[in-house]
C-alpha atoms as a PDB file:
ATOM      1  CA  MET A   1       0.000   0.000   0.000  1.00  0.00           C
ATOM      2  CA  ASP A   2       1.448   3.339  -0.965  1.00  0.00           C
ATOM      3  CA  ILE A   3       0.664   6.850   0.246  1.00  0.00           C
ATOM      4  CA  SER A   4      -1.818   7.534  -2.566  1.00  0.00           C
ATOM      5  CA  ASP A   5      -3.837   4.442  -1.527  1.00  0.00           C
ATOM      6  CA  LEU A   6      -3.814   5.656   2.071  1.00  0.00           C
ATOM      7  CA  LYS A   7      -4.948   9.149   1.054  1.00  0.00           C
ATOM      8  CA  GLU A   8      -7.772   7.655  -1.025  1.00  0.00           C
ATOM      9  CA  ILE A   9      -8.931   5.493   1.906  1.00  0.00           C
ATOM     10  CA  LEU A  10      -8.927   8.522   4.224  1.00  0.00           C
ATOM     11  CA  ARG A  11     -10.828  10.609   1.651  1.00  0.00           C
ATOM     12  CA  ILE A  12     -13.519   7.923   1.284  1.00  0.00           C
ATOM     13  CA  LEU A  13     -13.853   7.461   5.054  1.00  0.00           C
ATOM     14  CA  GLU A  14     -14.244  11.206   5.549  1.00  0.00           C
ATOM     15  CA  ALA A  15     -16.803  11.509   2.736  1.00  0.00           C
ATOM     16  CA  GLN A  16     -18.847   8.581   4.050  1.00  0.00           C
ATOM     17  CA  ASP A  17     -18.657   9.776   7.683  1.00  0.00           C
ATOM     18  CA  ILE A  18     -17.243   6.396   8.761  1.00  0.00           C
ATOM     19  CA  THR A  19     -15.936   6.449  12.332  1.00  0.00           C
ATOM     20  CA  GLU A  20     -13.831   3.283  12.264  1.00  0.00           C
ATOM     21  CA  PHE A  21     -12.102   1.267   9.540  1.00  0.00           C
ATOM     22  CA  GLU A  22      -9.737  -1.714   9.639  1.00  0.00           C
ATOM     23  CA  LEU A  23      -7.796  -3.308   6.775  1.00  0.00           C
ATOM     24  CA  GLU A  24      -5.297  -6.162   6.777  1.00  0.00           C
ATOM     25  CA  GLN A  25      -3.215  -6.710   3.660  1.00  0.00           C
ATOM     26  CA  ASP A  26       0.070  -8.537   3.099  1.00  0.00           C
ATOM     27  CA  GLY A  27       0.730  -8.872   6.838  1.00  0.00           C
ATOM     28  CA  VAL A  28       0.169  -5.167   7.537  1.00  0.00           C
ATOM     29  CA  LYS A  29      -2.850  -4.131   9.553  1.00  0.00           C
ATOM     30  CA  LEU A  30      -4.236  -0.597   9.187  1.00  0.00           C
ATOM     31  CA  ARG A  31      -6.830   0.796  11.610  1.00  0.00           C
ATOM     32  CA  VAL A  32      -8.338   4.267  11.280  1.00  0.00           C
ATOM     33  CA  CYS A  33     -10.586   5.719  13.999  1.00  0.00           C
ATOM     34  CA  ARG A  34     -12.357   9.042  14.079  1.00  0.00           C
ATOM     35  CA  ASN A  35     -12.479  10.687  17.482  1.00  0.00           C
ATOM     36  CA  SER A  36     -15.305  13.229  17.444  1.00  0.00           C
ATOM     37  CA  ALA A  37     -14.458  14.566  20.936  1.00  0.00           C
ATOM     38  CA  ALA A  38     -11.004  15.860  19.991  1.00  0.00           C
ATOM     39  CA  PRO A  39     -10.432  16.215  16.242  1.00  0.00           C
ATOM     40  CA  ALA A  40      -6.978  15.284  15.046  1.00  0.00           C
ATOM     41  CA  PRO A  41      -5.195  17.388  12.425  1.00  0.00           C
ATOM     42  CA  ALA A  42      -6.127  15.128   9.480  1.00  0.00           C
ATOM     43  CA  ALA A  43      -9.801  16.152   9.369  1.00  0.00           C
ATOM     44  CA  GLY A  44     -10.580  14.437  12.666  1.00  0.00           C
ATOM     45  CA  LEU A  45      -9.031  11.084  11.810  1.00  0.00           C
ATOM     46  CA  ALA A  46      -6.577   9.286  14.052  1.00  0.00           C
ATOM     47  CA  LEU A  47      -4.415   6.664  12.404  1.00  0.00           C
ATOM     48  CA  THR A  48      -3.011   3.612  14.141  1.00  0.00           C
ATOM     49  CA  THR A  49      -0.888   1.188  12.182  1.00  0.00           C
ATOM     50  CA  LEU A  50      -0.174  -2.299  13.429  1.00  0.00           C
ATOM     51  CA  ALA A  51       2.745  -3.820  11.599  1.00  0.00           C
ATOM     52  CA  PRO A  52       4.473  -7.199  11.977  1.00  0.00           C
ATOM     53  CA  THR A  53       7.828  -5.572  12.716  1.00  0.00           C
ATOM     54  CA  ALA A  54       8.892  -4.210  16.091  1.00  0.00           C
ATOM     55  CA  ALA A  55       8.782  -0.439  16.352  1.00  0.00           C
ATOM     56  CA  VAL A  56       9.179   2.263  18.947  1.00  0.00           C
ATOM     57  CA  PRO A  57       5.776   2.744  20.677  1.00  0.00           C
ATOM     58  CA  ALA A  58       6.204   6.517  20.727  1.00  0.00           C
ATOM     59  CA  ALA A  59       6.156   6.455  16.923  1.00  0.00           C
ATOM     60  CA  GLY A  60       2.545   5.208  16.966  1.00  0.00           C
ATOM     61  CA  LEU A  61       3.471   1.744  15.710  1.00  0.00           C
ATOM     62  CA  LEU A  62       2.841  -1.383  17.690  1.00  0.00           C
ATOM     63  CA  SER A  63       4.496  -4.706  17.067  1.00  0.00           C
ATOM     64  CA  ALA A  64       2.526  -7.834  16.307  1.00  0.00           C
ATOM     65  CA  PRO A  65       2.536 -10.515  19.012  1.00  0.00           C
ATOM     66  CA  PRO A  66       5.533 -12.847  18.964  1.00  0.00           C
ATOM     67  CA  ALA A  67       5.021 -16.165  17.205  1.00  0.00           C
ATOM     68  CA  ALA A  68       4.783 -17.982  20.557  1.00  0.00           C
ATOM     69  CA  GLU A  69       1.852 -15.801  21.624  1.00  0.00           C
ATOM     70  CA  ALA A  70       0.189 -16.019  18.214  1.00  0.00           C
ATOM     71  CA  ALA A  71       0.331 -19.822  18.386  1.00  0.00           C
ATOM     72  CA  ALA A  72      -1.257 -19.891  21.852  1.00  0.00           C
ATOM     73  CA  PRO A  73      -4.606 -21.691  22.088  1.00  0.00           C
ATOM     74  CA  ALA A  74      -7.737 -19.607  21.632  1.00  0.00           C
ATOM     75  CA  ALA A  75      -9.466 -18.201  24.695  1.00  0.00           C
ATOM     76  CA  PRO A  76     -11.874 -20.603  26.375  1.00  0.00           C
ATOM     77  CA  PRO A  77     -15.468 -20.335  25.175  1.00  0.00           C
ATOM     78  CA  ALA A  78     -17.491 -17.663  26.929  1.00  0.00           C
ATOM     79  CA  GLU A  79     -19.949 -18.607  29.624  1.00  0.00           C
ATOM     80  CA  ASP A  80     -23.617 -18.280  28.796  1.00  0.00           C
ATOM     81  CA  GLY A  81     -24.025 -14.638  27.989  1.00  0.00           C
ATOM     82  CA  THR A  82     -23.109 -11.784  25.732  1.00  0.00           C
ATOM     83  CA  LEU A  83     -19.484 -10.717  25.407  1.00  0.00           C
ATOM     84  CA  VAL A  84     -18.777  -7.007  25.654  1.00  0.00           C
ATOM     85  CA  LYS A  85     -15.609  -6.531  23.605  1.00  0.00           C
ATOM     86  CA  SER A  86     -13.120  -3.701  23.576  1.00  0.00           C
ATOM     87  CA  PRO A  87     -13.872  -1.252  20.757  1.00  0.00           C
ATOM     88  CA  ILE A  88     -10.357   0.253  21.011  1.00  0.00           C
ATOM     89  CA  VAL A  89      -6.784  -0.439  22.058  1.00  0.00           C
ATOM     90  CA  GLY A  90      -5.901   0.996  25.463  1.00  0.00           C
ATOM     91  CA  THR A  91      -5.738   0.406  29.205  1.00  0.00           C
ATOM     92  CA  PHE A  92      -8.742  -1.089  31.039  1.00  0.00           C
ATOM     93  CA  TYR A  93      -9.894   0.613  34.245  1.00  0.00           C
ATOM     94  CA  GLN A  94     -12.780  -0.562  36.430  1.00  0.00           C
ATOM     95  CA  ALA A  95     -13.270   2.830  38.133  1.00  0.00           C
ATOM     96  CA  ALA A  96     -13.099   6.520  37.282  1.00  0.00           C
ATOM     97  CA  ASP A  97     -10.084   6.947  39.582  1.00  0.00           C
ATOM     98  CA  PRO A  98      -8.101   4.793  42.049  1.00  0.00           C
ATOM     99  CA  ASN A  99     -10.152   6.006  45.056  1.00  0.00           C
ATOM    100  CA  SER A 100     -13.577   5.366  43.466  1.00  0.00           C
ATOM    101  CA  PRO A 101     -15.515   2.108  43.623  1.00  0.00           C
ATOM    102  CA  PRO A 102     -15.652   0.051  40.404  1.00  0.00           C
ATOM    103  CA  PHE A 103     -18.416   0.885  37.938  1.00  0.00           C
ATOM    104  CA  VAL A 104     -19.625  -2.744  38.104  1.00  0.00           C
ATOM    105  CA  SER A 105     -18.740  -5.987  39.878  1.00  0.00           C
ATOM    106  CA  VAL A 106     -19.558  -9.627  39.142  1.00  0.00           C
ATOM    107  CA  GLY A 107     -23.203 -10.225  40.044  1.00  0.00           C
ATOM    108  CA  ASP A 108     -24.295  -6.618  39.446  1.00  0.00           C
ATOM    109  CA  ARG A 109     -27.340  -5.934  37.266  1.00  0.00           C
ATOM    110  CA  VAL A 110     -26.727  -3.490  34.420  1.00  0.00           C
ATOM    111  CA  LYS A 111     -28.962  -1.545  32.052  1.00  0.00           C
ATOM    112  CA  VAL A 112     -28.336  -0.733  28.405  1.00  0.00           C
ATOM    113  CA  GLY A 113     -26.133   2.355  28.261  1.00  0.00           C
ATOM    114  CA  GLN A 114     -24.769   1.969  31.802  1.00  0.00           C
ATOM    115  CA  VAL A 115     -21.015   2.631  32.083  1.00  0.00           C
ATOM    116  CA  LEU A 116     -19.104  -0.608  32.680  1.00  0.00           C
ATOM    117  CA  CYS A 117     -15.509   0.605  32.590  1.00  0.00           C
ATOM    118  CA  ILE A 118     -13.100   3.120  31.114  1.00  0.00           C
ATOM    119  CA  ILE A 119     -10.480   2.425  28.474  1.00  0.00           C
ATOM    120  CA  GLU A 120      -7.701   4.977  28.354  1.00  0.00           C
ATOM    121  CA  ALA A 121      -6.316   5.480  24.864  1.00  0.00           C
ATOM    122  CA  MET A 122      -3.762   8.215  24.162  1.00  0.00           C
ATOM    123  CA  LYS A 123      -4.651  10.066  27.383  1.00  0.00           C
ATOM    124  CA  LEU A 124      -8.370  10.070  26.490  1.00  0.00           C
ATOM    125  CA  MET A 125     -10.774   8.300  28.847  1.00  0.00           C
ATOM    126  CA  ASN A 126     -13.380   6.364  26.858  1.00  0.00           C
ATOM    127  CA  GLU A 127     -16.448   5.132  28.748  1.00  0.00           C
ATOM    128  CA  ILE A 128     -17.571   1.665  27.652  1.00  0.00           C
ATOM    129  CA  GLU A 129     -21.310   1.170  28.062  1.00  0.00           C
ATOM    130  CA  ALA A 130     -23.453  -1.957  28.372  1.00  0.00           C
ATOM    131  CA  GLU A 131     -24.958  -3.065  25.079  1.00  0.00           C
ATOM    132  CA  VAL A 132     -27.438  -5.424  26.777  1.00  0.00           C
ATOM    133  CA  ALA A 133     -29.275  -5.428  30.090  1.00  0.00           C
ATOM    134  CA  GLY A 134     -28.450  -8.271  32.434  1.00  0.00           C
ATOM    135  CA  GLU A 135     -26.101  -9.557  35.117  1.00  0.00           C
ATOM    136  CA  ILE A 136     -22.304  -9.240  35.021  1.00  0.00           C
ATOM    137  CA  ALA A 137     -21.129 -12.859  34.910  1.00  0.00           C
ATOM    138  CA  ARG A 138     -17.412 -12.197  34.434  1.00  0.00           C
ATOM    139  CA  ILE A 139     -14.908  -9.362  34.190  1.00  0.00           C
ATOM    140  CA  HIS A 140     -12.170 -10.590  31.857  1.00  0.00           C
ATOM    141  CA  PRO A 141      -9.194  -8.166  32.175  1.00  0.00           C
ATOM    142  CA  GLU A 142      -7.573  -7.071  35.415  1.00  0.00           C
ATOM    143  CA  ASN A 143      -7.724  -3.411  36.415  1.00  0.00           C
ATOM    144  CA  GLY A 144      -4.932  -1.486  34.673  1.00  0.00           C
ATOM    145  CA  GLN A 145      -4.353  -4.240  32.101  1.00  0.00           C
ATOM    146  CA  PRO A 146      -3.760  -3.315  28.443  1.00  0.00           C
ATOM    147  CA  VAL A 147      -6.497  -4.470  26.059  1.00  0.00           C
ATOM    148  CA  GLN A 148      -6.564  -4.819  22.293  1.00  0.00           C
ATOM    149  CA  TYR A 149      -9.388  -4.170  19.839  1.00  0.00           C
ATOM    150  CA  GLY A 150     -11.887  -7.048  20.145  1.00  0.00           C
ATOM    151  CA  ASP A 151     -10.608  -8.377  23.494  1.00  0.00           C
ATOM    152  CA  PRO A 152     -13.406  -9.573  25.793  1.00  0.00           C
ATOM    153  CA  LEU A 153     -14.083  -7.151  28.641  1.00  0.00           C
ATOM    154  CA  PHE A 154     -17.238  -8.502  30.262  1.00  0.00           C
ATOM    155  CA  THR A 155     -19.642 -11.408  29.967  1.00  0.00           C
ATOM    156  CA  VAL A 156     -23.221 -10.265  30.592  1.00  0.00           C
ATOM    157  CA  ARG A 157     -26.024 -12.778  31.116  1.00  0.00           C
ATOM    158  CA  PRO A 158     -29.006 -11.072  29.427  1.00  0.00           C
ATOM    159  CA  ASP A 159     -32.254 -10.635  31.371  1.00  0.00           C
END
């Protein structure tokens, strides 16, 4: 993929008002997210590139997992319930700050739209809300643990 392809993708995403886009091609993974709260210089688009080569994190590039981790067995099947997955890459927090109680605990009942946790990404705190009403059956990551796009955060047993 060359720079003209990238510019064309960004132009299309902007024209179509798409907030998130992911493409994997020839071992290179491209993810574009629009952050409406704090527009980035490129017309409100933030660009994260995940490449299979190691890079300096400050440069905005993340390395792919080592082969040993990639070959690890898949996560065990989810308990009965709906998985709430991470919509972004960041750090998982169960509470608004270290002195506050967690937003939810196992066994709590939640409503659609209720805040379940915060994921910090690039110094922005993103509230993750319940997509279904029900009971929290499991909290998958530990507080302060990094999460990737699509990682399971919670298992909710629907009402």
